[in-house]
């Protein structure tokens, strides 16, 4: 998520009690892997949007093993 300002070594603060909203950065579990993406909600469809335009959005369907693990609320930057 370097295009979103999140770099290797940064610490993310995750709030698992928040309901996801459009545009939230979230830690998600998809088909056995964790990922950090932006959430886009359209009626009955959830999309995971990468910050890097080189990657395609992921459409979540009933076939996916999917969980929004938590919402990113803060990031702590590694300075060195």
C-alpha atoms as a PDB file:
ATOM      1  CA  UNK A   1       0.000   0.000   0.000  1.00  0.00           C
ATOM      2  CA  UNK A   2       2.906   2.344  -0.691  1.00  0.00           C
ATOM      3  CA  UNK A   3       0.661   4.412  -2.961  1.00  0.00           C
ATOM      4  CA  UNK A   4      -1.535   4.963   0.106  1.00  0.00           C
ATOM      5  CA  UNK A   5       1.437   5.980   2.261  1.00  0.00           C
ATOM      6  CA  UNK A   6       1.794   2.643   4.073  1.00  0.00           C
ATOM      7  CA  UNK A   7       5.317   1.244   3.897  1.00  0.00           C
ATOM      8  CA  UNK A   8       7.129  -1.865   5.100  1.00  0.00           C
ATOM      9  CA  UNK A   9       7.881  -1.413   8.797  1.00  0.00           C
ATOM     10  CA  UNK A  10       4.967   0.945   9.492  1.00  0.00           C
ATOM     11  CA  UNK A  11       2.621   0.000  12.317  1.00  0.00           C
ATOM     12  CA  UNK A  12      -1.122   0.088  11.645  1.00  0.00           C
ATOM     13  CA  UNK A  13      -3.750   0.586  14.327  1.00  0.00           C
ATOM     14  CA  UNK A  14      -6.789  -1.552  13.497  1.00  0.00           C
ATOM     15  CA  UNK A  15     -10.257  -1.102  15.018  1.00  0.00           C
ATOM     16  CA  UNK A  16     -12.238  -4.329  14.779  1.00  0.00           C
ATOM     17  CA  UNK A  17     -15.375  -2.739  16.258  1.00  0.00           C
ATOM     18  CA  UNK A  18     -16.022  -0.295  13.384  1.00  0.00           C
ATOM     19  CA  UNK A  19     -18.540  -1.023  10.647  1.00  0.00           C
ATOM     20  CA  UNK A  20     -16.863  -0.642   7.244  1.00  0.00           C
ATOM     21  CA  UNK A  21     -17.761   2.414   5.168  1.00  0.00           C
ATOM     22  CA  UNK A  22     -16.987   3.368   1.593  1.00  0.00           C
ATOM     23  CA  UNK A  23     -13.390   4.494   1.281  1.00  0.00           C
ATOM     24  CA  UNK A  24     -12.149   2.891   4.497  1.00  0.00           C
ATOM     25  CA  UNK A  25      -8.767   1.207   4.424  1.00  0.00           C
ATOM     26  CA  UNK A  26      -9.285  -2.275   5.829  1.00  0.00           C
ATOM     27  CA  UNK A  27      -7.412  -5.413   6.701  1.00  0.00           C
ATOM     28  CA  UNK A  28      -9.298  -8.192   4.932  1.00  0.00           C
ATOM     29  CA  UNK A  29      -9.039 -11.955   4.857  1.00  0.00           C
ATOM     30  CA  UNK A  30      -9.737 -13.296   1.352  1.00  0.00           C
ATOM     31  CA  UNK A  31      -9.448 -16.952   0.427  1.00  0.00           C
ATOM     32  CA  UNK A  32      -6.758 -17.772   2.989  1.00  0.00           C
ATOM     33  CA  UNK A  33      -4.692 -14.583   2.719  1.00  0.00           C
ATOM     34  CA  UNK A  34      -4.666 -11.230   4.483  1.00  0.00           C
ATOM     35  CA  UNK A  35      -4.574  -8.045   2.427  1.00  0.00           C
ATOM     36  CA  UNK A  36      -4.959  -4.312   2.996  1.00  0.00           C
ATOM     37  CA  UNK A  37      -7.287  -2.594   0.557  1.00  0.00           C
ATOM     38  CA  UNK A  38      -9.818   0.202   0.334  1.00  0.00           C
ATOM     39  CA  UNK A  39     -13.448  -0.851   0.703  1.00  0.00           C
ATOM     40  CA  UNK A  40     -16.044   0.088  -1.904  1.00  0.00           C
ATOM     41  CA  UNK A  41     -19.640  -0.899  -1.178  1.00  0.00           C
ATOM     42  CA  UNK A  42     -22.261  -0.900  -3.957  1.00  0.00           C
ATOM     43  CA  UNK A  43     -25.701  -2.216  -2.978  1.00  0.00           C
ATOM     44  CA  UNK A  44     -25.007  -5.944  -2.477  1.00  0.00           C
ATOM     45  CA  UNK A  45     -21.456  -5.927  -3.834  1.00  0.00           C
ATOM     46  CA  UNK A  46     -18.211  -5.353  -1.965  1.00  0.00           C
ATOM     47  CA  UNK A  47     -15.090  -4.393  -3.894  1.00  0.00           C
ATOM     48  CA  UNK A  48     -11.541  -4.341  -2.570  1.00  0.00           C
ATOM     49  CA  UNK A  49      -9.691  -1.500  -4.235  1.00  0.00           C
ATOM     50  CA  UNK A  50      -5.873  -1.465  -4.302  1.00  0.00           C
ATOM     51  CA  UNK A  51      -4.011   1.816  -3.904  1.00  0.00           C
ATOM     52  CA  UNK A  52      -1.721   0.852  -6.786  1.00  0.00           C
ATOM     53  CA  UNK A  53      -3.398   1.330 -10.177  1.00  0.00           C
ATOM     54  CA  UNK A  54      -1.318  -1.559 -11.586  1.00  0.00           C
ATOM     55  CA  UNK A  55      -3.568  -4.005  -9.732  1.00  0.00           C
ATOM     56  CA  UNK A  56      -7.222  -4.738 -10.463  1.00  0.00           C
ATOM     57  CA  UNK A  57     -10.029  -4.332  -7.926  1.00  0.00           C
ATOM     58  CA  UNK A  58     -11.250  -7.561  -6.353  1.00  0.00           C
ATOM     59  CA  UNK A  59     -14.984  -8.262  -6.498  1.00  0.00           C
ATOM     60  CA  UNK A  60     -16.099 -10.245  -3.474  1.00  0.00           C
ATOM     61  CA  UNK A  61     -18.675 -12.930  -4.221  1.00  0.00           C
ATOM     62  CA  UNK A  62     -20.418 -15.696  -2.295  1.00  0.00           C
ATOM     63  CA  UNK A  63     -17.670 -18.039  -3.485  1.00  0.00           C
ATOM     64  CA  UNK A  64     -14.970 -16.154  -1.567  1.00  0.00           C
ATOM     65  CA  UNK A  65     -13.940 -16.964   1.981  1.00  0.00           C
ATOM     66  CA  UNK A  66     -14.075 -13.305   3.066  1.00  0.00           C
ATOM     67  CA  UNK A  67     -13.853 -11.340   6.293  1.00  0.00           C
ATOM     68  CA  UNK A  68     -13.208  -7.686   6.984  1.00  0.00           C
ATOM     69  CA  UNK A  69     -10.847  -8.211   9.901  1.00  0.00           C
ATOM     70  CA  UNK A  70     -10.685  -4.540  10.904  1.00  0.00           C
ATOM     71  CA  UNK A  71     -10.557  -0.914   9.790  1.00  0.00           C
ATOM     72  CA  UNK A  72      -7.259   0.979   9.698  1.00  0.00           C
ATOM     73  CA  UNK A  73      -7.634   4.033  11.933  1.00  0.00           C
ATOM     74  CA  UNK A  74      -4.002   5.188  12.334  1.00  0.00           C
ATOM     75  CA  UNK A  75      -0.564   4.438  10.989  1.00  0.00           C
ATOM     76  CA  UNK A  76       2.747   4.933  12.750  1.00  0.00           C
ATOM     77  CA  UNK A  77       5.606   5.649  10.368  1.00  0.00           C
ATOM     78  CA  UNK A  78       8.979   4.010  10.616  1.00  0.00           C
ATOM     79  CA  UNK A  79      11.510   6.837  10.444  1.00  0.00           C
ATOM     80  CA  UNK A  80      14.649   4.802  10.095  1.00  0.00           C
END
